[in-house]
Amino acid sequence: MAAGIQGADLAQLQHLVQQLGGPFQSELQSTLNGMNQKVQASSSYWVARNADQFRNDFAQFVSKCEQQLNQILAEAAKASGQHLQAISVATGNGGGI
């Protein structure tokens, strides 16, 4: 885009909106769950009160992260979608793609 001009490639912005609400969210959840599974599996080779506390704390951390990430990604998808809609209307592309 030329300097001073603001806007977006509508097709790419639409793709971003779809990614934020779907695959990105799934990938992050999968990664967090995989990490948690490995941490929880450490109980077979790491036995200690501190280890149990760490595993418990980590499980809680993952749960909080998932909740916050879901909220953040939903808000990002919504905001991106609103920008997409506004740009589409402003450029005469029929209000959306």
C-alpha atoms as a PDB file:
ATOM      1  CA  MET A   1       0.000   0.000   0.000  1.00  0.00           C
ATOM      2  CA  ALA A   2       1.170   3.511  -0.743  1.00  0.00           C
ATOM      3  CA  ALA A   3       2.431   5.692   2.072  1.00  0.00           C
ATOM      4  CA  GLY A   4      -0.335   7.649   3.742  1.00  0.00           C
ATOM      5  CA  ILE A   5      -3.117   5.409   2.447  1.00  0.00           C
ATOM      6  CA  GLN A   6      -4.849   3.193   4.964  1.00  0.00           C
ATOM      7  CA  GLY A   7      -6.895   0.120   4.248  1.00  0.00           C
ATOM      8  CA  ALA A   8      -6.582  -3.621   3.895  1.00  0.00           C
ATOM      9  CA  ASP A   9      -6.528  -6.397   1.386  1.00  0.00           C
ATOM     10  CA  LEU A  10     -10.078  -7.570   2.054  1.00  0.00           C
ATOM     11  CA  ALA A  11      -9.478 -11.188   1.106  1.00  0.00           C
ATOM     12  CA  GLN A  12      -6.484 -11.431   3.421  1.00  0.00           C
ATOM     13  CA  LEU A  13      -8.350  -9.671   6.234  1.00  0.00           C
ATOM     14  CA  GLN A  14     -11.266 -12.091   5.801  1.00  0.00           C
ATOM     15  CA  HIS A  15      -8.792 -14.965   6.023  1.00  0.00           C
ATOM     16  CA  LEU A  16      -7.326 -13.496   9.235  1.00  0.00           C
ATOM     17  CA  VAL A  17     -10.802 -13.192  10.769  1.00  0.00           C
ATOM     18  CA  GLN A  18     -11.464 -16.846   9.979  1.00  0.00           C
ATOM     19  CA  GLN A  19      -8.074 -17.947  11.343  1.00  0.00           C
ATOM     20  CA  LEU A  20      -8.482 -16.054  14.631  1.00  0.00           C
ATOM     21  CA  GLY A  21     -11.816 -17.667  15.335  1.00  0.00           C
ATOM     22  CA  GLY A  22     -10.849 -21.180  14.293  1.00  0.00           C
ATOM     23  CA  PRO A  23      -7.480 -22.733  13.478  1.00  0.00           C
ATOM     24  CA  PHE A  24      -5.346 -20.357  15.557  1.00  0.00           C
ATOM     25  CA  GLN A  25      -7.511 -20.988  18.591  1.00  0.00           C
ATOM     26  CA  SER A  26      -7.415 -24.759  18.051  1.00  0.00           C
ATOM     27  CA  GLU A  27      -3.638 -24.781  17.582  1.00  0.00           C
ATOM     28  CA  LEU A  28      -3.059 -22.839  20.786  1.00  0.00           C
ATOM     29  CA  GLN A  29      -5.375 -25.098  22.768  1.00  0.00           C
ATOM     30  CA  SER A  30      -3.699 -28.170  21.340  1.00  0.00           C
ATOM     31  CA  THR A  31      -0.244 -26.860  22.276  1.00  0.00           C
ATOM     32  CA  LEU A  32      -1.310 -25.965  25.815  1.00  0.00           C
ATOM     33  CA  ASN A  33      -3.023 -29.317  26.305  1.00  0.00           C
ATOM     34  CA  GLY A  34       0.042 -31.150  24.980  1.00  0.00           C
ATOM     35  CA  MET A  35       2.285 -29.280  27.405  1.00  0.00           C
ATOM     36  CA  ASN A  36      -0.066 -30.051  30.279  1.00  0.00           C
ATOM     37  CA  GLN A  37      -0.188 -33.747  29.382  1.00  0.00           C
ATOM     38  CA  LYS A  38       3.603 -33.934  29.469  1.00  0.00           C
ATOM     39  CA  VAL A  39       3.781 -32.086  32.777  1.00  0.00           C
ATOM     40  CA  GLN A  40       1.116 -34.322  34.305  1.00  0.00           C
ATOM     41  CA  ALA A  41       2.907 -37.435  32.986  1.00  0.00           C
ATOM     42  CA  SER A  42       5.976 -36.408  35.010  1.00  0.00           C
ATOM     43  CA  SER A  43       4.317 -38.019  38.030  1.00  0.00           C
ATOM     44  CA  SER A  44       5.804 -41.327  36.881  1.00  0.00           C
ATOM     45  CA  TYR A  45       9.373 -40.072  37.329  1.00  0.00           C
ATOM     46  CA  TRP A  46       9.098 -37.022  39.597  1.00  0.00           C
ATOM     47  CA  VAL A  47       7.630 -37.823  42.986  1.00  0.00           C
ATOM     48  CA  ALA A  48       7.654 -35.067  45.564  1.00  0.00           C
ATOM     49  CA  ARG A  49       5.303 -32.663  47.287  1.00  0.00           C
ATOM     50  CA  ASN A  50       6.737 -29.789  45.250  1.00  0.00           C
ATOM     51  CA  ALA A  51       6.263 -31.804  42.074  1.00  0.00           C
ATOM     52  CA  ASP A  52       2.600 -32.403  42.878  1.00  0.00           C
ATOM     53  CA  GLN A  53       2.150 -28.713  43.585  1.00  0.00           C
ATOM     54  CA  PHE A  54       3.863 -27.800  40.320  1.00  0.00           C
ATOM     55  CA  ARG A  55       1.622 -30.161  38.333  1.00  0.00           C
ATOM     56  CA  ASN A  56      -1.471 -28.757  40.030  1.00  0.00           C
ATOM     57  CA  ASP A  57      -0.361 -25.165  39.466  1.00  0.00           C
ATOM     58  CA  PHE A  58       0.490 -25.907  35.836  1.00  0.00           C
ATOM     59  CA  ALA A  59      -2.943 -27.440  35.192  1.00  0.00           C
ATOM     60  CA  GLN A  60      -4.575 -24.324  36.659  1.00  0.00           C
ATOM     61  CA  PHE A  61      -2.297 -22.106  34.572  1.00  0.00           C
ATOM     62  CA  VAL A  62      -3.298 -23.935  31.384  1.00  0.00           C
ATOM     63  CA  SER A  63      -6.977 -23.606  32.235  1.00  0.00           C
ATOM     64  CA  LYS A  64      -6.652 -19.854  32.846  1.00  0.00           C
ATOM     65  CA  CYS A  65      -4.589 -19.410  29.678  1.00  0.00           C
ATOM     66  CA  GLU A  66      -7.187 -21.193  27.584  1.00  0.00           C
ATOM     67  CA  GLN A  67      -9.976 -19.031  28.974  1.00  0.00           C
ATOM     68  CA  GLN A  68      -8.039 -15.820  28.389  1.00  0.00           C
ATOM     69  CA  LEU A  69      -6.838 -16.861  24.934  1.00  0.00           C
ATOM     70  CA  ASN A  70     -10.348 -17.793  23.871  1.00  0.00           C
ATOM     71  CA  GLN A  71     -11.590 -14.389  24.978  1.00  0.00           C
ATOM     72  CA  ILE A  72      -8.715 -12.499  23.333  1.00  0.00           C
ATOM     73  CA  LEU A  73      -9.022 -14.393  20.048  1.00  0.00           C
ATOM     74  CA  ALA A  74     -12.800 -13.941  19.997  1.00  0.00           C
ATOM     75  CA  GLU A  75     -12.357 -10.204  20.546  1.00  0.00           C
ATOM     76  CA  ALA A  76      -9.659 -10.038  17.865  1.00  0.00           C
ATOM     77  CA  ALA A  77     -11.848 -11.911  15.391  1.00  0.00           C
ATOM     78  CA  LYS A  78     -14.774  -9.605  16.179  1.00  0.00           C
ATOM     79  CA  ALA A  79     -12.695  -6.435  15.815  1.00  0.00           C
ATOM     80  CA  SER A  80     -11.107  -7.657  12.580  1.00  0.00           C
ATOM     81  CA  GLY A  81     -14.527  -8.579  11.251  1.00  0.00           C
ATOM     82  CA  GLN A  82     -15.851  -5.131  12.085  1.00  0.00           C
ATOM     83  CA  HIS A  83     -12.914  -3.506  10.297  1.00  0.00           C
ATOM     84  CA  LEU A  84     -13.497  -5.775   7.330  1.00  0.00           C
ATOM     85  CA  GLN A  85     -17.153  -4.771   7.227  1.00  0.00           C
ATOM     86  CA  ALA A  86     -16.337  -1.049   7.517  1.00  0.00           C
ATOM     87  CA  ILE A  87     -13.722  -1.198   4.767  1.00  0.00           C
ATOM     88  CA  SER A  88     -16.061  -3.196   2.535  1.00  0.00           C
ATOM     89  CA  VAL A  89     -18.832  -0.641   2.949  1.00  0.00           C
ATOM     90  CA  ALA A  90     -16.461   2.301   2.492  1.00  0.00           C
ATOM     91  CA  THR A  91     -15.018   0.854  -0.697  1.00  0.00           C
ATOM     92  CA  GLY A  92     -18.334  -0.218  -2.143  1.00  0.00           C
ATOM     93  CA  ASN A  93     -17.727  -3.950  -1.967  1.00  0.00           C
ATOM     94  CA  GLY A  94     -21.312  -4.672  -0.934  1.00  0.00           C
ATOM     95  CA  GLY A  95     -20.820  -4.703   2.816  1.00  0.00           C
ATOM     96  CA  GLY A  96     -18.649  -7.790   2.982  1.00  0.00           C
ATOM     97  CA  ILE A  97     -16.936 -10.597   1.176  1.00  0.00           C
END
